[in-house]
PDB file of N, CA and C in Angstrom:
ATOM      1  N   MET A   1     150.426 130.134 334.025  1.00  0.00           N
ATOM      2  CA  MET A   1     150.533 129.600 335.364  1.00  0.00           C
ATOM      3  C   MET A   1     149.772 128.280 335.426  1.00  0.00           C
ATOM      4  N   PHE A   2     150.396 127.290 336.038  1.00  0.00           N
ATOM      5  CA  PHE A   2     149.771 125.988 336.186  1.00  0.00           C
ATOM      6  C   PHE A   2     148.961 125.929 337.476  1.00  0.00           C
ATOM      7  N   VAL A   3     147.778 125.338 337.382  1.00  0.00           N
ATOM      8  CA  VAL A   3     146.891 125.158 338.523  1.00  0.00           C
ATOM      9  C   VAL A   3     146.562 123.676 338.609  1.00  0.00           C
ATOM     10  N   ARG A   4     146.593 123.141 339.824  1.00  0.00           N
ATOM     11  CA  ARG A   4     146.296 121.721 340.021  1.00  0.00           C
ATOM     12  C   ARG A   4     144.785 121.502 339.984  1.00  0.00           C
ATOM     13  N   LEU A   5     144.338 120.745 339.005  1.00  0.00           N
ATOM     14  CA  LEU A   5     142.920 120.438 338.858  1.00  0.00           C
ATOM     15  C   LEU A   5     142.524 119.281 339.760  1.00  0.00           C
ATOM     16  N   ASN A   6     143.358 118.254 339.809  1.00  0.00           N
ATOM     17  CA  ASN A   6     143.155 117.119 340.708  1.00  0.00           C
ATOM     18  C   ASN A   6     144.503 116.450 340.934  1.00  0.00           C
ATOM     19  N   GLU A   7     144.508 115.260 341.502  1.00  0.00           N
ATOM     20  CA  GLU A   7     145.775 114.608 341.846  1.00  0.00           C
ATOM     21  C   GLU A   7     146.618 114.220 340.633  1.00  0.00           C
ATOM     22  N   ARG A   8     146.042 114.178 339.446  1.00  0.00           N
ATOM     23  CA  ARG A   8     146.786 113.777 338.255  1.00  0.00           C
ATOM     24  C   ARG A   8     146.864 114.841 337.165  1.00  0.00           C
ATOM     25  N   VAL A   9     146.114 115.941 337.294  1.00  0.00           N
ATOM     26  CA  VAL A   9     146.012 116.893 336.195  1.00  0.00           C
ATOM     27  C   VAL A   9     146.356 118.311 336.655  1.00  0.00           C
ATOM     28  N   TYR A  10     147.247 118.956 335.899  1.00  0.00           N
ATOM     29  CA  TYR A  10     147.561 120.365 336.078  1.00  0.00           C
ATOM     30  C   TYR A  10     147.169 121.094 334.804  1.00  0.00           C
ATOM     31  N   LEU A  11     146.535 122.252 334.944  1.00  0.00           N
ATOM     32  CA  LEU A  11     146.130 123.047 333.789  1.00  0.00           C
ATOM     33  C   LEU A  11     147.041 124.255 333.635  1.00  0.00           C
ATOM     34  N   ASN A  12     147.409 124.556 332.415  1.00  0.00           N
ATOM     35  CA  ASN A  12     148.108 125.798 332.115  1.00  0.00           C
ATOM     36  C   ASN A  12     147.027 126.851 331.893  1.00  0.00           C
ATOM     37  N   MET A  13     146.724 127.617 332.940  1.00  0.00           N
ATOM     38  CA  MET A  13     145.604 128.553 332.886  1.00  0.00           C
ATOM     39  C   MET A  13     145.846 129.689 331.895  1.00  0.00           C
ATOM     40  N   SER A  14     147.091 129.935 331.500  1.00  0.00           N
ATOM     41  CA  SER A  14     147.336 130.986 330.517  1.00  0.00           C
ATOM     42  C   SER A  14     146.838 130.580 329.127  1.00  0.00           C
ATOM     43  N   LYS A  15     146.596 129.296 328.910  1.00  0.00           N
ATOM     44  CA  LYS A  15     146.084 128.827 327.620  1.00  0.00           C
ATOM     45  C   LYS A  15     144.570 128.616 327.617  1.00  0.00           C
ATOM     46  N   ILE A  16     143.954 128.597 328.787  1.00  0.00           N
ATOM     47  CA  ILE A  16     142.510 128.385 328.876  1.00  0.00           C
ATOM     48  C   ILE A  16     141.804 129.648 328.400  1.00  0.00           C
ATOM     49  N   THR A  17     140.971 129.510 327.383  1.00  0.00           N
ATOM     50  CA  THR A  17     140.285 130.667 326.825  1.00  0.00           C
ATOM     51  C   THR A  17     138.886 130.852 327.386  1.00  0.00           C
ATOM     52  N   ARG A  18     138.291 129.781 327.892  1.00  0.00           N
ATOM     53  CA  ARG A  18     136.977 129.913 328.525  1.00  0.00           C
ATOM     54  C   ARG A  18     136.711 128.711 329.405  1.00  0.00           C
ATOM     55  N   THR A  19     135.793 128.898 330.321  1.00  0.00           N
ATOM     56  CA  THR A  19     135.317 127.809 331.175  1.00  0.00           C
ATOM     57  C   THR A  19     133.799 127.828 331.131  1.00  0.00           C
ATOM     58  N   LYS A  20     133.219 126.691 331.458  1.00  0.00           N
ATOM     59  CA  LYS A  20     131.766 126.579 331.381  1.00  0.00           C
ATOM     60  C   LYS A  20     131.304 125.621 332.470  1.00  0.00           C
ATOM     61  N   ILE A  21     130.327 126.048 333.262  1.00  0.00           N
ATOM     62  CA  ILE A  21     129.689 125.146 334.220  1.00  0.00           C
ATOM     63  C   ILE A  21     128.514 124.540 333.483  1.00  0.00           C
ATOM     64  N   ASP A  22     128.519 123.213 333.378  1.00  0.00           N
ATOM     65  CA  ASP A  22     127.601 122.540 332.471  1.00  0.00           C
ATOM     66  C   ASP A  22     126.942 121.340 333.132  1.00  0.00           C
ATOM     67  N   HIS A  23     125.674 121.124 332.799  1.00  0.00           N
ATOM     68  CA  HIS A  23     124.973 119.909 333.215  1.00  0.00           C
ATOM     69  C   HIS A  23     125.296 118.825 332.197  1.00  0.00           C
ATOM     70  N   VAL A  24     125.927 117.746 332.651  1.00  0.00           N
ATOM     71  CA  VAL A  24     126.248 116.622 331.777  1.00  0.00           C
ATOM     72  C   VAL A  24     125.505 115.394 332.284  1.00  0.00           C
ATOM     73  N   GLU A  25     125.673 114.284 331.604  1.00  0.00           N
ATOM     74  CA  GLU A  25     124.895 113.081 331.926  1.00  0.00           C
ATOM     75  C   GLU A  25     125.086 112.579 333.357  1.00  0.00           C
ATOM     76  N   ASP A  26     126.239 112.832 333.960  1.00  0.00           N
ATOM     77  CA  ASP A  26     126.472 112.305 335.307  1.00  0.00           C
ATOM     78  C   ASP A  26     126.452 113.377 336.394  1.00  0.00           C
ATOM     79  N   GLY A  27     126.076 114.590 336.070  1.00  0.00           N
ATOM     80  CA  GLY A  27     126.001 115.654 337.065  1.00  0.00           C
ATOM     81  C   GLY A  27     126.441 116.980 336.496  1.00  0.00           C
ATOM     82  N   ILE A  28     126.928 117.846 337.369  1.00  0.00           N
ATOM     83  CA  ILE A  28     127.383 119.176 336.978  1.00  0.00           C
ATOM     84  C   ILE A  28     128.907 119.189 337.026  1.00  0.00           C
ATOM     85  N   ARG A  29     129.522 119.713 335.958  1.00  0.00           N
ATOM     86  CA  ARG A  29     130.981 119.774 335.880  1.00  0.00           C
ATOM     87  C   ARG A  29     131.407 121.131 335.338  1.00  0.00           C
ATOM     88  N   VAL A  30     132.639 121.519 335.679  1.00  0.00           N
ATOM     89  CA  VAL A  30     133.254 122.703 335.093  1.00  0.00           C
ATOM     90  C   VAL A  30     134.125 122.202 333.952  1.00  0.00           C
ATOM     91  N   ARG A  31     133.914 122.756 332.768  1.00  0.00           N
ATOM     92  CA  ARG A  31     134.688 122.358 331.590  1.00  0.00           C
ATOM     93  C   ARG A  31     135.661 123.470 331.229  1.00  0.00           C
ATOM     94  N   PHE A  32     136.857 123.083 330.786  1.00  0.00           N
ATOM     95  CA  PHE A  32     137.914 124.024 330.438  1.00  0.00           C
ATOM     96  C   PHE A  32     138.229 123.886 328.958  1.00  0.00           C
ATOM     97  N   TYR A  33     138.326 125.020 328.261  1.00  0.00           N
ATOM     98  CA  TYR A  33     138.526 125.022 326.812  1.00  0.00           C
ATOM     99  C   TYR A  33     139.753 125.824 326.418  1.00  0.00           C
ATOM    100  N   GLU A  34     140.468 125.341 325.404  1.00  0.00           N
ATOM    101  CA  GLU A  34     141.487 126.088 324.674  1.00  0.00           C
ATOM    102  C   GLU A  34     140.903 126.309 323.291  1.00  0.00           C
ATOM    103  N   GLY A  35     140.461 127.513 323.027  1.00  0.00           N
ATOM    104  CA  GLY A  35     139.758 127.780 321.778  1.00  0.00           C
ATOM    105  C   GLY A  35     138.442 127.028 321.776  1.00  0.00           C
ATOM    106  N   LYS A  36     138.208 126.245 320.736  1.00  0.00           N
ATOM    107  CA  LYS A  36     136.960 125.484 320.659  1.00  0.00           C
ATOM    108  C   LYS A  36     137.084 124.076 321.236  1.00  0.00           C
ATOM    109  N   ASP A  37     138.297 123.661 321.627  1.00  0.00           N
ATOM    110  CA  ASP A  37     138.531 122.302 322.105  1.00  0.00           C
ATOM    111  C   ASP A  37     138.478 122.212 323.622  1.00  0.00           C
ATOM    112  N   GLN A  38     137.696 121.256 324.109  1.00  0.00           N
ATOM    113  CA  GLN A  38     137.660 120.999 325.547  1.00  0.00           C
ATOM    114  C   GLN A  38     138.926 120.247 325.920  1.00  0.00           C
ATOM    115  N   VAL A  39     139.652 120.742 326.931  1.00  0.00           N
ATOM    116  CA  VAL A  39     140.913 120.115 327.314  1.00  0.00           C
ATOM    117  C   VAL A  39     140.836 119.427 328.672  1.00  0.00           C
ATOM    118  N   ALA A  40     139.849 119.760 329.500  1.00  0.00           N
ATOM    119  CA  ALA A  40     139.720 119.118 330.813  1.00  0.00           C
ATOM    120  C   ALA A  40     138.328 119.379 331.360  1.00  0.00           C
ATOM    121  N   LYS A  41     137.962 118.565 332.346  1.00  0.00           N
ATOM    122  CA  LYS A  41     136.720 118.813 333.073  1.00  0.00           C
ATOM    123  C   LYS A  41     136.944 118.457 334.530  1.00  0.00           C
ATOM    124  N   SER A  42     136.169 119.067 335.371  1.00  0.00           N
ATOM    125  CA  SER A  42     136.327 118.899 336.816  1.00  0.00           C
ATOM    126  C   SER A  42     135.611 117.652 337.309  1.00  0.00           C
ATOM    127  N   LYS A  43     135.705 117.459 338.617  1.00  0.00           N
ATOM    128  CA  LYS A  43     134.924 116.398 339.254  1.00  0.00           C
ATOM    129  C   LYS A  43     133.440 116.750 339.166  1.00  0.00           C
ATOM    130  N   ARG A  44     132.606 115.830 339.563  1.00  0.00           N
ATOM    131  CA  ARG A  44     131.157 116.013 339.511  1.00  0.00           C
ATOM    132  C   ARG A  44     130.688 116.773 340.742  1.00  0.00           C
ATOM    133  N   PHE A  45     129.747 117.704 340.549  1.00  0.00           N
ATOM    134  CA  PHE A  45     129.160 118.481 341.628  1.00  0.00           C
ATOM    135  C   PHE A  45     127.655 118.258 341.663  1.00  0.00           C
ATOM    136  N   GLU A  46     127.066 118.462 342.834  1.00  0.00           N
ATOM    137  CA  GLU A  46     125.616 118.308 342.995  1.00  0.00           C
ATOM    138  C   GLU A  46     124.856 119.550 342.535  1.00  0.00           C
ATOM    139  N   THR A  47     125.434 120.755 342.767  1.00  0.00           N
ATOM    140  CA  THR A  47     124.745 121.996 342.401  1.00  0.00           C
ATOM    141  C   THR A  47     125.697 122.916 341.643  1.00  0.00           C
ATOM    142  N   VAL A  48     125.123 123.837 340.899  1.00  0.00           N
ATOM    143  CA  VAL A  48     125.899 124.838 340.179  1.00  0.00           C
ATOM    144  C   VAL A  48     126.651 125.718 341.177  1.00  0.00           C
ATOM    145  N   GLU A  49     126.036 125.999 342.314  1.00  0.00           N
ATOM    146  CA  GLU A  49     126.678 126.823 343.339  1.00  0.00           C
ATOM    147  C   GLU A  49     127.940 126.152 343.870  1.00  0.00           C
ATOM    148  N   ASP A  50     127.898 124.840 344.076  1.00  0.00           N
ATOM    149  CA  ASP A  50     129.085 124.103 344.523  1.00  0.00           C
ATOM    150  C   ASP A  50     130.197 124.182 343.474  1.00  0.00           C
ATOM    151  N   ALA A  51     129.839 124.029 342.213  1.00  0.00           N
ATOM    152  CA  ALA A  51     130.814 124.090 341.129  1.00  0.00           C
ATOM    153  C   ALA A  51     131.424 125.481 341.033  1.00  0.00           C
ATOM    154  N   SER A  52     130.606 126.500 341.162  1.00  0.00           N
ATOM    155  CA  SER A  52     131.088 127.876 341.094  1.00  0.00           C
ATOM    156  C   SER A  52     132.024 128.189 342.253  1.00  0.00           C
ATOM    157  N   LYS A  53     131.677 127.741 343.438  1.00  0.00           N
ATOM    158  CA  LYS A  53     132.516 127.958 344.617  1.00  0.00           C
ATOM    159  C   LYS A  53     133.871 127.263 344.440  1.00  0.00           C
ATOM    160  N   TRP A  54     133.865 126.020 343.950  1.00  0.00           N
ATOM    161  CA  TRP A  54     135.098 125.279 343.698  1.00  0.00           C
ATOM    162  C   TRP A  54     135.970 126.007 342.679  1.00  0.00           C
ATOM    163  N   PHE A  55     135.356 126.502 341.600  1.00  0.00           N
ATOM    164  CA  PHE A  55     136.100 127.203 340.558  1.00  0.00           C
ATOM    165  C   PHE A  55     136.718 128.494 341.096  1.00  0.00           C
ATOM    166  N   GLU A  56     135.969 129.234 341.900  1.00  0.00           N
ATOM    167  CA  GLU A  56     136.494 130.463 342.492  1.00  0.00           C
ATOM    168  C   GLU A  56     137.716 130.174 343.363  1.00  0.00           C
ATOM    169  N   GLU A  57     137.674 129.088 344.125  1.00  0.00           N
ATOM    170  CA  GLU A  57     138.823 128.704 344.950  1.00  0.00           C
ATOM    171  C   GLU A  57     140.010 128.286 344.075  1.00  0.00           C
ATOM    172  N   LEU A  58     139.731 127.633 342.963  1.00  0.00           N
ATOM    173  CA  LEU A  58     140.790 127.194 342.051  1.00  0.00           C
ATOM    174  C   LEU A  58     141.549 128.376 341.460  1.00  0.00           C
ATOM    175  N   ILE A  59     140.830 129.422 341.071  1.00  0.00           N
ATOM    176  CA  ILE A  59     141.489 130.552 340.410  1.00  0.00           C
ATOM    177  C   ILE A  59     141.908 131.659 341.374  1.00  0.00           C
ATOM    178  N   LYS A  60     141.609 131.519 342.638  1.00  0.00           N
ATOM    179  CA  LYS A  60     141.967 132.556 343.610  1.00  0.00           C
ATOM    180  C   LYS A  60     143.449 132.933 343.542  1.00  0.00           C
ATOM    181  N   PRO A  61     144.390 131.972 343.442  1.00  0.00           N
ATOM    182  CA  PRO A  61     145.809 132.358 343.346  1.00  0.00           C
ATOM    183  C   PRO A  61     146.134 133.185 342.100  1.00  0.00           C
ATOM    184  N   LEU A  62     145.352 133.049 341.054  1.00  0.00           N
ATOM    185  CA  LEU A  62     145.593 133.793 339.815  1.00  0.00           C
ATOM    186  C   LEU A  62     145.174 135.251 339.925  1.00  0.00           C
ATOM    187  N   ASN A  63     144.290 135.549 340.874  1.00  0.00           N
ATOM    188  CA  ASN A  63     143.750 136.894 341.007  1.00  0.00           C
ATOM    189  C   ASN A  63     144.504 137.764 342.004  1.00  0.00           C
ATOM    190  N   LYS A  64     145.667 137.311 342.452  1.00  0.00           N
ATOM    191  CA  LYS A  64     146.454 138.101 343.411  1.00  0.00           C
ATOM    192  C   LYS A  64     147.159 139.249 342.751  1.00  0.00           C
TER     193      LYS A  64
END
């Protein structure tokens, strides 16, 4: 199932094997991986809680 990550990127969530909320040089981002390769990352967040809330909303349609 494809999920819209932003205005230009759609992810095939059936291929995503893991996600990670990570502190990077410009803030906090959610990273998406297919196996060991990072395939996408989210916008920048101020807190881990904001990133987690955004991710939960993103995958909500998948959990129906």
